[in-house]
PDB file of N, CA and C in Angstrom:
ATOM      1  N   MET A   1     164.932 140.812 261.490  1.00  0.00           N
ATOM      2  CA  MET A   1     164.723 140.350 262.842  1.00  0.00           C
ATOM      3  C   MET A   1     163.328 140.702 263.346  1.00  0.00           C
ATOM      4  N   LYS A   2     162.648 141.610 262.678  1.00  0.00           N
ATOM      5  CA  LYS A   2     161.355 142.058 263.179  1.00  0.00           C
ATOM      6  C   LYS A   2     160.214 141.151 262.753  1.00  0.00           C
ATOM      7  N   ARG A   3     160.362 140.447 261.621  1.00  0.00           N
ATOM      8  CA  ARG A   3     159.271 139.619 261.121  1.00  0.00           C
ATOM      9  C   ARG A   3     159.641 138.143 261.237  1.00  0.00           C
ATOM     10  N   PRO A   4     158.755 137.308 261.780  1.00  0.00           N
ATOM     11  CA  PRO A   4     159.069 135.885 261.924  1.00  0.00           C
ATOM     12  C   PRO A   4     159.413 135.201 260.606  1.00  0.00           C
ATOM     13  N   GLY A   5     158.804 135.605 259.511  1.00  0.00           N
ATOM     14  CA  GLY A   5     159.060 134.976 258.230  1.00  0.00           C
ATOM     15  C   GLY A   5     160.211 135.609 257.479  1.00  0.00           C
ATOM     16  N   GLY A   6     160.882 136.554 258.081  1.00  0.00           N
ATOM     17  CA  GLY A   6     161.942 137.295 257.417  1.00  0.00           C
ATOM     18  C   GLY A   6     163.318 136.688 257.621  1.00  0.00           C
ATOM     19  N   LEU A   7     164.280 137.550 257.780  1.00  0.00           N
ATOM     20  CA  LEU A   7     165.675 137.148 257.883  1.00  0.00           C
ATOM     21  C   LEU A   7     165.934 136.226 259.073  1.00  0.00           C
ATOM     22  N   ALA A   8     165.312 136.489 260.194  1.00  0.00           N
ATOM     23  CA  ALA A   8     165.523 135.646 261.378  1.00  0.00           C
ATOM     24  C   ALA A   8     165.169 134.197 261.080  1.00  0.00           C
ATOM     25  N   HIS A   9     164.060 133.988 260.370  1.00  0.00           N
ATOM     26  CA  HIS A   9     163.661 132.627 260.012  1.00  0.00           C
ATOM     27  C   HIS A   9     164.743 131.944 259.182  1.00  0.00           C
ATOM     28  N   ARG A  10     165.338 132.673 258.259  1.00  0.00           N
ATOM     29  CA  ARG A  10     166.392 132.092 257.419  1.00  0.00           C
ATOM     30  C   ARG A  10     167.609 131.705 258.260  1.00  0.00           C
ATOM     31  N   PHE A  11     167.963 132.529 259.236  1.00  0.00           N
ATOM     32  CA  PHE A  11     169.078 132.197 260.116  1.00  0.00           C
ATOM     33  C   PHE A  11     168.783 130.924 260.889  1.00  0.00           C
ATOM     34  N   PHE A  12     167.595 130.821 261.459  1.00  0.00           N
ATOM     35  CA  PHE A  12     167.244 129.647 262.242  1.00  0.00           C
ATOM     36  C   PHE A  12     167.144 128.402 261.360  1.00  0.00           C
ATOM     37  N   GLN A  13     166.709 128.583 260.136  1.00  0.00           N
ATOM     38  CA  GLN A  13     166.586 127.469 259.196  1.00  0.00           C
ATOM     39  C   GLN A  13     167.955 126.847 258.911  1.00  0.00           C
ATOM     40  N   HIS A  14     168.990 127.666 258.869  1.00  0.00           N
ATOM     41  CA  HIS A  14     170.331 127.188 258.549  1.00  0.00           C
ATOM     42  C   HIS A  14     171.227 127.173 259.785  1.00  0.00           C
ATOM     43  N   GLY A  15     170.627 127.110 260.947  1.00  0.00           N
ATOM     44  CA  GLY A  15     171.370 127.130 262.206  1.00  0.00           C
ATOM     45  C   GLY A  15     172.498 126.112 262.226  1.00  0.00           C
ATOM     46  N   GLY A  16     173.615 126.528 262.805  1.00  0.00           N
ATOM     47  CA  GLY A  16     174.773 125.650 262.880  1.00  0.00           C
ATOM     48  C   GLY A  16     175.709 125.807 261.710  1.00  0.00           C
ATOM     49  N   ASN A  17     175.235 126.368 260.616  1.00  0.00           N
ATOM     50  CA  ASN A  17     176.068 126.522 259.432  1.00  0.00           C
ATOM     51  C   ASN A  17     176.389 127.975 259.128  1.00  0.00           C
ATOM     52  N   LEU A  18     175.892 128.880 259.927  1.00  0.00           N
ATOM     53  CA  LEU A  18     176.105 130.293 259.662  1.00  0.00           C
ATOM     54  C   LEU A  18     177.045 130.893 260.683  1.00  0.00           C
ATOM     55  N   ARG A  19     177.774 131.922 260.222  1.00  0.00           N
ATOM     56  CA  ARG A  19     178.698 132.628 261.082  1.00  0.00           C
ATOM     57  C   ARG A  19     178.406 134.113 261.014  1.00  0.00           C
ATOM     58  N   VAL A  20     178.470 134.772 262.153  1.00  0.00           N
ATOM     59  CA  VAL A  20     178.190 136.201 262.226  1.00  0.00           C
ATOM     60  C   VAL A  20     179.405 136.881 262.855  1.00  0.00           C
ATOM     61  N   PRO A  21     179.985 137.866 262.175  1.00  0.00           N
ATOM     62  CA  PRO A  21     181.103 138.603 262.773  1.00  0.00           C
ATOM     63  C   PRO A  21     180.643 139.400 263.996  1.00  0.00           C
ATOM     64  N   THR A  22     181.532 139.589 264.941  1.00  0.00           N
ATOM     65  CA  THR A  22     181.183 140.323 266.155  1.00  0.00           C
ATOM     66  C   THR A  22     180.706 141.736 265.843  1.00  0.00           C
ATOM     67  N   ILE A  23     181.254 142.359 264.810  1.00  0.00           N
ATOM     68  CA  ILE A  23     180.834 143.723 264.474  1.00  0.00           C
ATOM     69  C   ILE A  23     179.372 143.747 264.040  1.00  0.00           C
ATOM     70  N   VAL A  24     178.930 142.716 263.331  1.00  0.00           N
ATOM     71  CA  VAL A  24     177.529 142.629 262.911  1.00  0.00           C
ATOM     72  C   VAL A  24     176.637 142.412 264.131  1.00  0.00           C
ATOM     73  N   LEU A  25     177.092 141.573 265.031  1.00  0.00           N
ATOM     74  CA  LEU A  25     176.330 141.345 266.262  1.00  0.00           C
ATOM     75  C   LEU A  25     176.206 142.643 267.059  1.00  0.00           C
ATOM     76  N   ALA A  26     177.290 143.389 267.137  1.00  0.00           N
ATOM     77  CA  ALA A  26     177.259 144.671 267.846  1.00  0.00           C
ATOM     78  C   ALA A  26     176.285 145.641 267.184  1.00  0.00           C
ATOM     79  N   GLU A  27     176.250 145.657 265.866  1.00  0.00           N
ATOM     80  CA  GLU A  27     175.322 146.526 265.133  1.00  0.00           C
ATOM     81  C   GLU A  27     173.870 146.121 265.402  1.00  0.00           C
ATOM     82  N   LEU A  28     173.611 144.827 265.476  1.00  0.00           N
ATOM     83  CA  LEU A  28     172.260 144.362 265.783  1.00  0.00           C
ATOM     84  C   LEU A  28     171.822 144.841 267.165  1.00  0.00           C
ATOM     85  N   TYR A  29     172.710 144.682 268.139  1.00  0.00           N
ATOM     86  CA  TYR A  29     172.379 145.136 269.497  1.00  0.00           C
ATOM     87  C   TYR A  29     172.220 146.650 269.556  1.00  0.00           C
ATOM     88  N   ALA A  30     173.095 147.380 268.887  1.00  0.00           N
ATOM     89  CA  ALA A  30     173.005 148.844 268.897  1.00  0.00           C
ATOM     90  C   ALA A  30     171.698 149.312 268.277  1.00  0.00           C
ATOM     91  N   GLY A  31     171.316 148.710 267.156  1.00  0.00           N
ATOM     92  CA  GLY A  31     170.063 149.071 266.501  1.00  0.00           C
ATOM     93  C   GLY A  31     168.859 148.754 267.368  1.00  0.00           C
ATOM     94  N   ALA A  32     168.896 147.609 268.034  1.00  0.00           N
ATOM     95  CA  ALA A  32     167.781 147.220 268.897  1.00  0.00           C
ATOM     96  C   ALA A  32     167.633 148.190 270.063  1.00  0.00           C
ATOM     97  N   ARG A  33     168.739 148.614 270.628  1.00  0.00           N
ATOM     98  CA  ARG A  33     168.695 149.497 271.793  1.00  0.00           C
ATOM     99  C   ARG A  33     168.196 150.901 271.459  1.00  0.00           C
ATOM    100  N   LYS A  34     168.160 151.245 270.186  1.00  0.00           N
ATOM    101  CA  LYS A  34     167.637 152.551 269.768  1.00  0.00           C
ATOM    102  C   LYS A  34     166.114 152.565 269.716  1.00  0.00           C
ATOM    103  N   LEU A  35     165.504 151.399 269.744  1.00  0.00           N
ATOM    104  CA  LEU A  35     164.051 151.301 269.664  1.00  0.00           C
ATOM    105  C   LEU A  35     163.403 151.693 270.988  1.00  0.00           C
ATOM    106  N   PRO A  36     162.187 152.212 270.931  1.00  0.00           N
ATOM    107  CA  PRO A  36     161.472 152.559 272.170  1.00  0.00           C
ATOM    108  C   PRO A  36     161.220 151.331 273.057  1.00  0.00           C
ATOM    109  N   SER A  37     160.954 150.198 272.446  1.00  0.00           N
ATOM    110  CA  SER A  37     160.707 148.948 273.182  1.00  0.00           C
ATOM    111  C   SER A  37     161.571 147.837 272.577  1.00  0.00           C
ATOM    112  N   PRO A  38     162.820 147.746 272.988  1.00  0.00           N
ATOM    113  CA  PRO A  38     163.745 146.808 272.348  1.00  0.00           C
ATOM    114  C   PRO A  38     163.679 145.368 272.858  1.00  0.00           C
ATOM    115  N   ASP A  39     162.896 145.106 273.894  1.00  0.00           N
ATOM    116  CA  ASP A  39     162.952 143.801 274.562  1.00  0.00           C
ATOM    117  C   ASP A  39     162.763 142.614 273.627  1.00  0.00           C
ATOM    118  N   ARG A  40     161.750 142.649 272.790  1.00  0.00           N
ATOM    119  CA  ARG A  40     161.463 141.508 271.901  1.00  0.00           C
ATOM    120  C   ARG A  40     162.617 141.264 270.931  1.00  0.00           C
ATOM    121  N   LEU A  41     163.161 142.339 270.390  1.00  0.00           N
ATOM    122  CA  LEU A  41     164.262 142.213 269.437  1.00  0.00           C
ATOM    123  C   LEU A  41     165.536 141.747 270.140  1.00  0.00           C
ATOM    124  N   LEU A  42     165.778 142.209 271.349  1.00  0.00           N
ATOM    125  CA  LEU A  42     166.949 141.755 272.102  1.00  0.00           C
ATOM    126  C   LEU A  42     166.872 140.254 272.392  1.00  0.00           C
ATOM    127  N   VAL A  43     165.682 139.772 272.675  1.00  0.00           N
ATOM    128  CA  VAL A  43     165.500 138.325 272.882  1.00  0.00           C
ATOM    129  C   VAL A  43     165.792 137.572 271.586  1.00  0.00           C
ATOM    130  N   ALA A  44     165.312 138.091 270.468  1.00  0.00           N
ATOM    131  CA  ALA A  44     165.545 137.436 269.170  1.00  0.00           C
ATOM    132  C   ALA A  44     167.039 137.408 268.842  1.00  0.00           C
ATOM    133  N   ILE A  45     167.742 138.482 269.133  1.00  0.00           N
ATOM    134  CA  ILE A  45     169.186 138.518 268.886  1.00  0.00           C
ATOM    135  C   ILE A  45     169.891 137.510 269.787  1.00  0.00           C
ATOM    136  N   SER A  46     169.476 137.451 271.025  1.00  0.00           N
ATOM    137  CA  SER A  46     170.058 136.487 271.955  1.00  0.00           C
ATOM    138  C   SER A  46     169.841 135.056 271.465  1.00  0.00           C
ATOM    139  N   GLU A  47     168.646 134.758 270.976  1.00  0.00           N
ATOM    140  CA  GLU A  47     168.357 133.432 270.431  1.00  0.00           C
ATOM    141  C   GLU A  47     169.213 133.157 269.201  1.00  0.00           C
ATOM    142  N   LEU A  48     169.419 134.167 268.395  1.00  0.00           N
ATOM    143  CA  LEU A  48     170.248 134.025 267.200  1.00  0.00           C
ATOM    144  C   LEU A  48     171.674 133.640 267.571  1.00  0.00           C
ATOM    145  N   THR A  49     172.206 134.228 268.637  1.00  0.00           N
ATOM    146  CA  THR A  49     173.591 133.929 269.021  1.00  0.00           C
ATOM    147  C   THR A  49     173.770 132.479 269.466  1.00  0.00           C
ATOM    148  N   ARG A  50     172.679 131.837 269.857  1.00  0.00           N
ATOM    149  CA  ARG A  50     172.770 130.416 270.219  1.00  0.00           C
ATOM    150  C   ARG A  50     172.744 129.518 268.990  1.00  0.00           C
ATOM    151  N   GLU A  51     172.313 130.061 267.866  1.00  0.00           N
ATOM    152  CA  GLU A  51     172.141 129.268 266.649  1.00  0.00           C
ATOM    153  C   GLU A  51     173.260 129.446 265.613  1.00  0.00           C
ATOM    154  N   VAL A  52     174.086 130.463 265.772  1.00  0.00           N
ATOM    155  CA  VAL A  52     175.144 130.742 264.794  1.00  0.00           C
ATOM    156  C   VAL A  52     176.494 130.799 265.504  1.00  0.00           C
ATOM    157  N   ALA A  53     177.546 130.637 264.729  1.00  0.00           N
ATOM    158  CA  ALA A  53     178.898 130.810 265.270  1.00  0.00           C
ATOM    159  C   ALA A  53     179.251 132.287 265.195  1.00  0.00           C
ATOM    160  N   ILE A  54     179.861 132.792 266.253  1.00  0.00           N
ATOM    161  CA  ILE A  54     180.271 134.191 266.299  1.00  0.00           C
ATOM    162  C   ILE A  54     181.758 134.249 265.950  1.00  0.00           C
ATOM    163  N   LEU A  55     182.079 135.048 264.938  1.00  0.00           N
ATOM    164  CA  LEU A  55     183.465 135.194 264.486  1.00  0.00           C
ATOM    165  C   LEU A  55     184.093 136.427 265.088  1.00  0.00           C
ATOM    166  N   ASP A  56     185.317 136.294 265.565  1.00  0.00           N
ATOM    167  CA  ASP A  56     186.053 137.482 266.001  1.00  0.00           C
ATOM    168  C   ASP A  56     186.430 138.286 264.773  1.00  0.00           C
ATOM    169  N   SER A  57     186.268 139.594 264.891  1.00  0.00           N
ATOM    170  CA  SER A  57     186.649 140.433 263.730  1.00  0.00           C
ATOM    171  C   SER A  57     187.477 141.599 264.167  1.00  0.00           C
TER     172      SER A  57
END
């Protein structure tokens, strides 16, 4: 999620066909909130949730 050419790019590339369990989403948010400046990463996670299906787990 930190590098534009990294994992986030792959998620956006396959948008609509990917599913993320709620526990993984929670881990992403928890990890971001541990950072000194989480704002940019929180925005990226929010954008990701618009591009993937969220699975109840």
